[in-house]
């Protein structure tokens, strides 16, 4: 594309009505911005949303709406003109090319009965577009320049010492964790760490009655039973632990997943007392402890007793799940056993990623990124609350003081209907029922788990509108579509 002149798009100056028309485009997917924009325009034409002869917004206007550079839009328009998808003439602007026959489908049609996902509100996924590419690139360069030659040999299964030392300082400062570098084992994420722990446990594990089913599956696959601890407004009912006979307990104390809310202080103390009295182990999943909004930071339970708590975290929510970097802060008696369970060499987390992340933390860029994302996610959460207050005031929202998701409490018996309504609106989201332990004896709770981290800024309003249309009304029926002009 070097040297190519932008297409003639004079509609910025022609003054006629409609030159600033809105155009919704979904730029998710792979590839660069220009490639994603071109594919989004092709799809809009193929699907009929942009009919032959339709006038496109000026590239300056579309660039502002999408938050991309004018050159990106201009070059995408120019290439689509050359491919025959668009036409551009002085005085007429850029339009969809007129064709005698519709364009052939380039993708097979979706199977009958399968609805297309348009809006992703899956919980606890971060904004992929917000990955700090410039800072990460700078950290990679510095890390590679400073790395000793031995870093590119057979890796230590405990992980690079540079990262473990950086985590000692960061976790103490940001999360109140007390540890040393020789008690940290790097893993590829929480699931991998849980696999390693499950390999050295002997007895059953207590888990929160609402939690991720694949975490329970990891424990059960290793031959351990899982025992549900009921969850209420104060978090898991750890006072019930003595009656379970569990060897360990898995908790999300900073922000219970998915119901929300921190573990109450008296329960944090009680679970540590249980571990000390029984020799049990507390497994602390600090999956989004850095994202808090309306309350003081809640420190890690590990800080109360490093000898009885395994603290686990990762970059999956703060940076990206694609990075595959996590950490386990272990009691001294378990660090060697977990490293042995991992194997004789590093096989799961790349050395370059470990070194780069260590530099990102040490340079302060990681702190800056987390603070910036905390502000972005808080604004998205506030938008969700405001829209629901206006459009669905009968729906209560909970679990919003921290994290990347909220729970919408629904009237009993309406969750299944709300999920069907969500599918009809093209929404990807979860119901609370999917998280409930099969052996839980408490009455089921109806609700939707809504993630606000994933949608792009330009697509968020449409996702919230679709959500409101899917929600049951005060009488249990779905909301009627808004009137024209609303």
Protein backbone atom coordinates (compact mmCIF):
# COMPACT_ATOMS: atom_id res chain seq x y z
CA UNK A 1 0.00 0.00 0.00
CA UNK A 2 3.07 2.30 0.08
CA UNK A 3 2.59 5.40 -2.04
CA UNK A 4 -1.08 4.77 -2.74
CA UNK A 5 -3.21 7.91 -2.70
CA UNK A 6 -6.42 7.90 -0.61
CA UNK A 7 -9.63 7.56 -2.58
CA UNK A 8 -11.54 10.67 -3.49
CA UNK A 9 -14.15 11.00 -0.75
CA UNK A 10 -15.48 14.54 -1.17
CA UNK A 11 -18.62 14.01 0.91
CA UNK A 12 -16.96 15.81 3.85
CA UNK A 13 -17.38 19.02 1.91
CA UNK A 14 -20.47 18.58 -0.22
CA UNK A 15 -22.79 19.66 2.61
CA UNK A 16 -25.66 17.33 1.73
CA UNK A 17 -27.71 15.62 4.42
CA UNK A 18 -26.63 12.15 5.46
CA UNK A 19 -22.89 12.59 4.98
CA UNK A 20 -22.34 11.90 8.69
CA UNK A 21 -24.49 8.74 8.80
CA UNK A 22 -23.65 6.21 11.49
CA UNK A 23 -22.33 2.83 10.39
CA UNK A 24 -21.96 -0.02 12.88
CA UNK A 25 -18.98 -2.25 12.13
CA UNK A 26 -17.59 -5.02 14.31
CA UNK A 27 -13.79 -4.93 14.11
CA UNK A 28 -13.18 -8.04 16.23
CA UNK A 29 -11.15 -10.84 14.69
CA UNK A 30 -7.56 -11.38 13.67
CA UNK A 31 -5.18 -9.29 11.62
CA UNK A 32 -4.41 -5.60 11.53
CA UNK A 33 -6.95 -2.80 11.81
CA UNK A 34 -7.12 -2.18 8.07
CA UNK A 35 -7.69 -5.88 7.30
CA UNK A 36 -10.40 -6.13 9.97
CA UNK A 37 -12.11 -2.97 8.70
CA UNK A 38 -12.09 -4.28 5.13
CA UNK A 39 -13.56 -7.61 6.19
CA UNK A 40 -16.24 -5.85 8.29
CA UNK A 41 -17.26 -3.77 5.25
CA UNK A 42 -17.29 -6.82 2.97
CA UNK A 43 -19.47 -8.66 5.49
CA UNK A 44 -21.88 -5.72 5.73
CA UNK A 45 -22.22 -5.78 1.92
CA UNK A 46 -22.52 -9.58 1.70
CA UNK A 47 -25.19 -9.68 4.40
CA UNK A 48 -27.25 -6.95 2.74
CA UNK A 49 -26.83 -4.39 5.56
CA UNK A 50 -25.15 -2.19 2.96
CA UNK A 51 -27.24 -2.39 -0.21
CA UNK A 52 -25.85 -1.60 -3.68
CA UNK A 53 -25.63 2.16 -4.09
CA UNK A 54 -25.53 2.83 -0.32
CA UNK A 55 -23.39 5.78 0.60
CA UNK A 56 -20.60 5.20 3.12
CA UNK A 57 -19.59 7.74 5.76
CA UNK A 58 -16.63 9.96 4.86
CA UNK A 59 -13.40 8.33 5.87
CA UNK A 60 -12.70 11.16 8.34
CA UNK A 61 -16.06 10.60 10.03
CA UNK A 62 -15.74 6.81 10.14
CA UNK A 63 -12.19 7.10 11.51
CA UNK A 64 -13.44 9.19 14.44
CA UNK A 65 -16.37 6.82 15.10
CA UNK A 66 -14.14 3.74 15.13
CA UNK A 67 -11.21 5.34 16.93
CA UNK A 68 -8.74 4.55 14.13
CA UNK A 69 -6.55 6.76 11.92
CA UNK A 70 -7.95 8.44 8.81
CA UNK A 71 -5.26 6.77 6.70
CA UNK A 72 -6.47 3.33 7.87
CA UNK A 73 -10.01 4.05 6.65
CA UNK A 74 -8.83 5.78 3.48
CA UNK A 75 -6.58 2.87 2.52
CA UNK A 76 -9.35 0.34 3.27
CA UNK A 77 -11.78 2.29 1.06
CA UNK A 78 -9.14 2.52 -1.72
CA UNK A 79 -8.44 -1.20 -1.72
CA UNK A 80 -12.15 -2.11 -1.71
CA UNK A 81 -12.63 0.24 -4.67
CA UNK A 82 -9.90 -1.66 -6.54
CA UNK A 83 -11.51 -4.99 -5.61
CA UNK A 84 -14.86 -3.77 -6.97
CA UNK A 85 -16.77 -3.68 -3.69
CA UNK A 86 -17.00 0.14 -3.65
CA UNK A 87 -17.03 3.05 -6.10
CA UNK A 88 -15.68 6.55 -5.44
CA UNK A 89 -16.52 9.59 -7.59
CA UNK A 90 -16.04 13.32 -7.06
CA UNK A 91 -19.34 14.80 -5.88
CA UNK A 92 -20.90 11.42 -5.16
CA UNK A 93 -18.74 10.15 -2.29
CA UNK A 94 -17.94 6.51 -1.67
CA UNK A 95 -20.75 4.05 -2.35
CA UNK A 96 -21.36 0.32 -2.46
CA UNK A 97 -20.87 -0.86 -6.04
CA UNK A 98 -24.01 -1.74 -8.01
CA UNK A 99 -24.05 -5.34 -9.24
CA UNK A 100 -26.44 -7.23 -11.43
CA UNK A 101 -26.39 -10.21 -9.02
CA UNK A 102 -25.74 -10.49 -5.30
CA UNK A 103 -22.19 -11.32 -4.28
CA UNK A 104 -21.64 -15.04 -3.75
CA UNK A 105 -21.40 -16.24 -0.17
CA UNK A 106 -17.78 -16.83 0.84
CA UNK A 107 -18.72 -18.58 4.06
CA UNK A 108 -20.97 -21.59 4.52
CA UNK A 109 -24.33 -20.70 6.07
CA UNK A 110 -24.70 -21.34 9.79
CA UNK A 111 -26.44 -24.65 10.61
CA UNK A 112 -30.17 -24.34 11.03
CA UNK A 113 -31.21 -23.65 14.60
CA UNK A 114 -27.82 -22.14 15.47
CA UNK A 115 -27.95 -18.40 16.17
CA UNK A 116 -25.00 -16.16 15.40
CA UNK A 117 -23.21 -14.41 18.26
CA UNK A 118 -23.18 -10.66 17.70
CA UNK A 119 -22.41 -9.29 21.16
CA UNK A 120 -19.89 -10.89 23.52
CA UNK A 121 -20.80 -10.31 27.16
CA UNK A 122 -19.05 -13.41 28.48
CA UNK A 123 -17.79 -12.68 31.99
CA UNK A 124 -14.21 -12.01 33.08
CA UNK A 125 -12.69 -11.54 29.65
CA UNK A 126 -10.54 -8.41 29.29
CA UNK A 127 -10.58 -5.95 26.40
CA UNK A 128 -8.22 -7.58 23.92
CA UNK A 129 -7.74 -4.30 22.04
CA UNK A 130 -6.33 -2.68 25.20
CA UNK A 131 -3.23 -4.88 25.36
CA UNK A 132 -0.29 -2.47 25.93
CA UNK A 133 1.53 -3.29 22.71
CA UNK A 134 4.03 -0.44 22.82
CA UNK A 135 5.02 -1.08 26.44
CA UNK A 136 5.20 -4.84 25.81
CA UNK A 137 7.41 -4.33 22.75
CA UNK A 138 9.73 -2.09 24.74
CA UNK A 139 9.91 -4.66 27.55
CA UNK A 140 10.70 -7.47 25.11
CA UNK A 141 13.56 -5.45 23.65
CA UNK A 142 15.02 -4.52 27.03
CA UNK A 143 14.59 -8.06 28.37
CA UNK A 144 16.31 -9.63 25.36
CA UNK A 145 19.19 -7.17 25.56
CA UNK A 146 19.73 -7.86 29.26
CA UNK A 147 19.10 -11.63 29.31
CA UNK A 148 22.10 -13.87 30.02
CA UNK A 149 22.94 -16.55 27.48
CA UNK A 150 21.81 -19.31 29.83
CA UNK A 151 18.25 -17.95 29.66
CA UNK A 152 17.97 -19.53 26.21
CA UNK A 153 18.92 -22.99 27.39
CA UNK A 154 16.83 -25.59 29.22
CA UNK A 155 14.40 -23.69 31.46
CA UNK A 156 14.05 -24.02 35.22
CA UNK A 157 10.59 -25.49 35.96
CA UNK A 158 10.16 -22.95 38.76
CA UNK A 159 10.36 -20.15 36.17
CA UNK A 160 12.88 -17.40 35.48
CA UNK A 161 14.32 -15.88 38.63
CA UNK A 162 13.99 -12.37 37.17
CA UNK A 163 10.20 -12.80 37.09
CA UNK A 164 9.96 -14.46 40.48
CA UNK A 165 11.95 -11.63 42.10
CA UNK A 166 9.85 -8.98 40.36
CA UNK A 167 6.70 -10.71 41.62
CA UNK A 168 7.97 -10.77 45.22
CA UNK A 169 8.13 -6.97 45.24
CA UNK A 170 4.97 -6.37 43.21
CA UNK A 171 2.70 -8.80 45.08
CA UNK A 172 3.86 -7.50 48.46
CA UNK A 173 3.13 -3.92 47.43
CA UNK A 174 -0.11 -4.44 45.48
CA UNK A 175 -1.72 -7.45 47.19
CA UNK A 176 -0.10 -7.79 50.63
CA UNK A 177 1.51 -11.14 49.76
CA UNK A 178 4.49 -12.26 51.88
CA UNK A 179 6.94 -14.58 50.14
CA UNK A 180 10.41 -15.17 48.70
CA UNK A 181 11.47 -15.97 45.15
CA UNK A 182 12.23 -19.60 46.02
CA UNK A 183 8.58 -20.11 47.04
CA UNK A 184 7.16 -19.00 43.69
CA UNK A 185 6.54 -21.37 40.78
CA UNK A 186 5.59 -19.91 37.40
CA UNK A 187 2.78 -21.66 35.57
CA UNK A 188 0.67 -20.99 32.46
CA UNK A 189 -2.39 -19.82 34.37
CA UNK A 190 -4.70 -20.76 37.22
CA UNK A 191 -5.94 -23.98 35.61
CA UNK A 192 -2.38 -25.23 35.14
CA UNK A 193 -1.49 -24.32 38.72
CA UNK A 194 -4.57 -26.15 39.99
CA UNK A 195 -3.52 -29.25 38.04
CA UNK A 196 -0.11 -29.16 39.73
CA UNK A 197 -1.63 -28.76 43.18
CA UNK A 198 -4.18 -31.50 42.57
CA UNK A 199 -1.32 -33.85 41.75
CA UNK A 200 0.11 -33.54 45.27
CA UNK A 201 -3.13 -33.46 47.30
CA UNK A 202 -4.51 -36.57 48.94
CA UNK A 203 -8.07 -35.91 50.07
CA UNK A 204 -11.27 -34.13 49.03
CA UNK A 205 -11.34 -30.40 48.25
CA UNK A 206 -14.04 -27.99 49.39
CA UNK A 207 -15.10 -25.50 46.73
CA UNK A 208 -17.53 -22.60 46.57
CA UNK A 209 -21.02 -23.77 45.64
CA UNK A 210 -20.96 -21.28 42.78
CA UNK A 211 -17.76 -21.44 40.74
CA UNK A 212 -16.25 -22.59 37.46
CA UNK A 213 -17.15 -26.15 36.58
CA UNK A 214 -13.86 -26.76 34.76
CA UNK A 215 -11.96 -25.99 37.96
CA UNK A 216 -14.00 -28.68 39.72
CA UNK A 217 -13.29 -31.00 36.79
CA UNK A 218 -9.53 -30.53 37.21
CA UNK A 219 -9.73 -31.52 40.87
CA UNK A 220 -12.04 -34.47 40.19
CA UNK A 221 -9.92 -35.69 37.27
CA UNK A 222 -7.00 -35.96 39.71
CA UNK A 223 -9.10 -38.33 41.83
CA UNK A 224 -10.36 -35.94 44.49
CA UNK A 225 -13.96 -35.31 45.41
CA UNK A 226 -15.29 -31.74 45.55
CA UNK A 227 -17.57 -30.63 48.39
CA UNK A 228 -19.65 -27.46 47.96
CA UNK A 229 -19.55 -24.65 50.49
CA UNK A 230 -22.69 -22.55 50.19
CA UNK A 231 -22.21 -18.89 49.26
CA UNK A 232 -24.07 -15.89 50.68
CA UNK A 233 -23.54 -12.13 50.85
CA UNK A 234 -20.41 -12.65 52.95
CA UNK A 235 -18.79 -15.08 50.53
CA UNK A 236 -18.25 -18.79 51.09
CA UNK A 237 -19.55 -20.19 54.39
CA UNK A 238 -16.13 -21.33 55.59
CA UNK A 239 -17.60 -21.98 59.03
CA UNK A 240 -18.99 -25.19 57.51
CA UNK A 241 -15.50 -26.48 56.60
CA UNK A 242 -14.89 -28.67 59.69
CA UNK A 243 -17.88 -30.85 58.83
CA UNK A 244 -16.66 -31.51 55.25
CA UNK A 245 -13.52 -33.50 56.05
CA UNK A 246 -11.77 -31.61 53.23
CA UNK A 247 -7.98 -31.48 52.98
CA UNK A 248 -8.03 -28.18 51.09
CA UNK A 249 -10.44 -25.41 50.15
CA UNK A 250 -10.53 -23.40 46.91
CA UNK A 251 -11.73 -19.80 47.35
CA UNK A 252 -12.02 -16.53 45.41
CA UNK A 253 -11.85 -14.25 48.47
CA UNK A 254 -11.15 -10.87 46.83
CA UNK A 255 -14.25 -11.07 44.60
CA UNK A 256 -16.29 -14.27 44.72
CA UNK A 257 -16.71 -15.73 41.26
CA UNK A 258 -19.32 -15.38 39.94
CA UNK A 259 -21.69 -13.96 42.60
CA UNK A 260 -19.38 -11.07 43.57
CA UNK A 261 -18.33 -9.56 46.86
CA UNK A 262 -15.29 -10.16 49.08
CA UNK A 263 -14.96 -12.79 51.79
CA UNK A 264 -15.86 -11.12 55.09
CA UNK A 265 -12.93 -10.37 57.44
CA UNK A 266 -14.18 -12.75 60.12
CA UNK A 267 -14.43 -15.54 57.52
CA UNK A 268 -10.91 -14.81 56.24
CA UNK A 269 -9.64 -15.26 59.79
CA UNK A 270 -11.79 -18.37 60.27
CA UNK A 271 -10.46 -20.16 57.18
CA UNK A 272 -6.88 -19.52 58.28
CA UNK A 273 -7.70 -20.84 61.77
CA UNK A 274 -9.19 -23.97 60.14
CA UNK A 275 -6.04 -24.53 58.09
CA UNK A 276 -3.78 -24.14 61.12
CA UNK A 277 -5.88 -26.46 63.29
CA UNK A 278 -6.26 -29.23 60.71
CA UNK A 279 -3.12 -28.89 58.60
CA UNK A 280 -5.41 -28.04 55.69
CA UNK A 281 -4.54 -25.90 52.69
CA UNK A 282 -6.27 -22.74 51.46
CA UNK A 283 -6.03 -22.24 47.68
CA UNK A 284 -6.56 -18.54 46.95
CA UNK A 285 -7.62 -17.67 43.39
CA UNK A 286 -6.93 -13.93 43.07
CA UNK A 287 -8.32 -13.83 39.52
CA UNK A 288 -9.16 -10.09 39.37
CA UNK A 289 -8.04 -8.67 42.70
CA UNK A 290 -6.42 -5.62 41.04
CA UNK A 291 -9.74 -4.34 39.66
CA UNK A 292 -11.68 -2.69 42.47
CA UNK A 293 -13.87 0.40 42.19
CA UNK A 294 -16.10 1.32 45.13
CA UNK A 295 -14.26 -0.08 48.12
CA UNK A 296 -10.85 -0.14 49.72
CA UNK A 297 -8.45 -2.75 48.32
CA UNK A 298 -8.87 -6.18 49.90
CA UNK A 299 -5.48 -7.76 50.55
CA UNK A 300 -4.69 -11.37 49.91
CA UNK A 301 -5.62 -13.99 52.51
CA UNK A 302 -2.09 -15.34 52.00
CA UNK A 303 -0.73 -12.38 53.96
CA UNK A 304 -2.46 -13.74 57.09
CA UNK A 305 -0.57 -17.06 56.98
CA UNK A 306 1.93 -17.80 54.17
CA UNK A 307 2.49 -21.31 55.56
CA UNK A 308 -1.09 -22.46 55.00
CA UNK A 309 -2.24 -20.51 51.92
CA UNK A 310 -1.35 -21.00 48.25
CA UNK A 311 -1.78 -17.69 46.44
CA UNK A 312 -2.40 -17.92 42.68
CA UNK A 313 -2.64 -15.20 40.05
CA UNK A 314 -2.08 -14.64 36.34
CA UNK A 315 -2.06 -12.09 33.55
CA UNK A 316 -5.28 -13.49 32.03
CA UNK A 317 -7.51 -10.62 33.24
CA UNK A 318 -4.98 -7.82 33.67
CA UNK A 319 -3.23 -8.22 30.30
CA UNK A 320 -4.46 -11.07 28.11
CA UNK A 321 -5.42 -14.75 28.41
CA UNK A 322 -3.24 -15.34 25.34
CA UNK A 323 -0.07 -14.50 27.28
CA UNK A 324 -0.21 -17.71 29.39
CA UNK A 325 1.78 -16.44 32.39
CA UNK A 326 0.66 -17.25 35.93
CA UNK A 327 2.22 -17.73 39.34
CA UNK A 328 1.84 -19.83 42.45
CA UNK A 329 3.04 -18.47 45.79
CA UNK A 330 3.51 -21.58 47.93
CA UNK A 331 4.21 -22.55 51.52
CA UNK A 332 7.83 -23.56 51.87
CA UNK A 333 6.97 -27.24 52.39
CA UNK A 334 5.14 -27.40 49.03
CA UNK A 335 7.38 -25.36 46.69
CA UNK A 336 9.72 -28.21 45.88
CA UNK A 337 6.92 -30.76 45.45
CA UNK A 338 5.02 -28.52 43.03
CA UNK A 339 8.20 -27.85 41.02
CA UNK A 340 8.76 -31.63 40.79
CA UNK A 341 5.17 -32.15 39.68
CA UNK A 342 5.75 -29.60 36.92
CA UNK A 343 8.69 -31.59 35.54
CA UNK A 344 12.42 -31.35 35.04
CA UNK A 345 12.32 -28.37 32.68
CA UNK A 346 10.10 -25.46 31.65
CA UNK A 347 7.63 -26.73 29.05
CA UNK A 348 4.63 -24.41 29.28
CA UNK A 349 5.59 -20.74 29.62
CA UNK A 350 8.07 -19.20 27.19
CA UNK A 351 11.20 -17.63 28.62
CA UNK A 352 10.86 -14.49 26.51
CA UNK A 353 7.35 -13.86 27.85
CA UNK A 354 8.58 -14.37 31.41
CA UNK A 355 11.48 -11.98 30.93
CA UNK A 356 9.31 -9.39 29.21
CA UNK A 357 6.66 -9.53 31.91
CA UNK A 358 9.33 -9.19 34.58
CA UNK A 359 10.54 -6.02 32.86
CA UNK A 360 6.98 -4.71 32.46
CA UNK A 361 6.47 -5.09 36.22
CA UNK A 362 9.86 -3.68 37.22
CA UNK A 363 9.56 -0.67 34.90
CA UNK A 364 6.19 0.40 36.34
CA UNK A 365 4.41 -0.05 32.99
CA UNK A 366 2.29 -2.87 34.39
CA UNK A 367 1.04 -0.65 37.23
CA UNK A 368 0.20 2.12 34.77
CA UNK A 369 -1.69 -0.30 32.53
CA UNK A 370 -3.70 -1.72 35.43
CA UNK A 371 -4.64 1.76 36.64
CA UNK A 372 -5.70 2.80 33.15
CA UNK A 373 -7.81 -0.33 32.66
CA UNK A 374 -9.35 0.10 36.12
CA UNK A 375 -10.72 3.44 34.95
CA UNK A 376 -11.99 2.04 31.65
CA UNK A 377 -13.74 -0.93 33.26
CA UNK A 378 -15.26 1.26 35.94
CA UNK A 379 -16.79 3.52 33.27
CA UNK A 380 -18.17 0.47 31.45
CA UNK A 381 -19.63 -0.87 34.68
CA UNK A 382 -21.21 2.51 35.42
CA UNK A 383 -22.72 2.55 31.93
CA UNK A 384 -24.21 -0.89 32.46
CA UNK A 385 -25.77 0.20 35.75
CA UNK A 386 -27.15 3.42 34.25
CA UNK A 387 -28.72 1.67 31.24
CA UNK A 388 -30.33 -0.98 33.43
CA UNK A 389 -31.66 1.68 35.82
CA UNK A 390 -33.36 3.36 32.87
CA UNK A 391 -34.48 0.37 30.82
CA UNK A 392 -34.90 -2.39 33.41
CA UNK A 393 -35.24 -0.82 36.87
CA UNK A 394 -36.84 -4.00 38.20
CA UNK A 395 -33.57 -5.94 37.70
CA UNK A 396 -31.16 -5.75 40.62
CA UNK A 397 -27.42 -5.67 39.94
CA UNK A 398 -24.92 -7.17 42.38
CA UNK A 399 -21.22 -8.02 42.59
CA UNK A 400 -20.17 -4.69 41.06
CA UNK A 401 -17.62 -3.33 43.53
CA UNK A 402 -14.76 -5.05 41.69
CA UNK A 403 -13.91 -7.33 38.79
CA UNK A 404 -14.98 -7.46 35.16
CA UNK A 405 -18.54 -8.70 35.54
CA UNK A 406 -21.85 -8.09 37.27
CA UNK A 407 -24.72 -10.37 38.25
CA UNK A 408 -28.26 -9.46 37.23
CA UNK A 409 -30.64 -11.04 39.74
CA UNK A 410 -33.80 -12.38 38.08
CA UNK A 411 -37.17 -13.51 39.44
CA UNK A 412 -37.25 -17.23 40.29
CA UNK A 413 -37.84 -19.42 37.27
CA UNK A 414 -36.94 -16.80 34.62
CA UNK A 415 -33.25 -17.55 33.98
CA UNK A 416 -33.86 -20.08 31.18
CA UNK A 417 -36.22 -17.70 29.37
CA UNK A 418 -33.72 -14.86 29.71
CA UNK A 419 -30.96 -17.04 28.22
CA UNK A 420 -33.20 -17.91 25.27
CA UNK A 421 -33.94 -14.22 24.80
CA UNK A 422 -30.22 -13.48 24.90
CA UNK A 423 -29.53 -16.05 22.18
CA UNK A 424 -32.23 -14.51 20.00
CA UNK A 425 -30.53 -11.14 20.41
CA UNK A 426 -27.15 -12.62 19.45
CA UNK A 427 -25.77 -12.26 22.99
CA UNK A 428 -23.09 -14.50 24.45
CA UNK A 429 -23.45 -14.50 28.24
CA UNK A 430 -23.86 -16.93 31.13
CA UNK A 431 -26.62 -17.86 33.53
CA UNK A 432 -25.87 -18.44 37.20
CA UNK A 433 -27.11 -21.99 36.91
CA UNK A 434 -24.04 -22.97 34.88
CA UNK A 435 -21.82 -22.24 37.89
CA UNK A 436 -23.80 -24.10 40.56
CA UNK A 437 -22.21 -27.21 42.07
CA UNK A 438 -24.40 -30.26 41.33
CA UNK A 439 -24.33 -31.27 45.01
CA UNK A 440 -25.36 -27.87 46.35
CA UNK A 441 -28.40 -28.13 48.62
CA UNK A 442 -29.29 -24.42 48.73
CA UNK A 443 -32.19 -23.20 46.57
CA UNK A 444 -30.94 -22.24 43.10
CA UNK A 445 -30.53 -18.56 42.36
CA UNK A 446 -31.73 -17.18 39.01
CA UNK A 447 -29.53 -14.61 37.34
CA UNK A 448 -27.31 -13.62 34.44
CA UNK A 449 -23.55 -13.10 34.65
CA UNK A 450 -22.64 -10.13 32.46
CA UNK A 451 -19.06 -9.35 31.44
CA UNK A 452 -18.30 -5.78 30.46
CA UNK A 453 -14.62 -6.17 29.62
CA UNK A 454 -14.78 -7.75 26.17
CA UNK A 455 -16.95 -5.49 23.94
CA UNK A 456 -15.14 -2.75 22.07
CA UNK A 457 -16.11 0.80 22.91
CA UNK A 458 -17.99 1.37 19.66
CA UNK A 459 -19.98 -1.89 20.07
CA UNK A 460 -20.83 -1.56 23.77
CA UNK A 461 -23.99 0.53 23.36
CA UNK A 462 -25.50 -1.99 20.94
CA UNK A 463 -24.61 -4.86 23.29
CA UNK A 464 -26.36 -3.15 26.22
CA UNK A 465 -29.41 -2.45 24.07
CA UNK A 466 -29.61 -6.13 23.07
CA UNK A 467 -29.22 -7.13 26.72
CA UNK A 468 -32.17 -4.98 27.79
CA UNK A 469 -34.33 -6.52 25.06
CA UNK A 470 -33.46 -10.00 26.33
CA UNK A 471 -34.30 -9.34 29.99
CA UNK A 472 -37.67 -10.37 31.40
CA UNK A 473 -39.96 -7.52 32.35
CA UNK A 474 -41.44 -7.03 35.82
CA UNK A 475 -44.06 -9.64 34.99
CA UNK A 476 -41.47 -12.13 33.69
CA UNK A 477 -41.98 -11.40 29.97
CA UNK A 478 -39.21 -10.09 27.73
CA UNK A 479 -39.02 -6.34 27.21
CA UNK A 480 -40.79 -4.97 24.16
CA UNK A 481 -38.55 -3.39 21.52
CA UNK A 482 -38.12 0.38 21.94
CA UNK A 483 -40.38 2.67 19.97
CA UNK A 484 -39.05 4.36 16.85
CA UNK A 485 -37.05 7.46 17.54
CA UNK A 486 -36.17 6.40 21.06
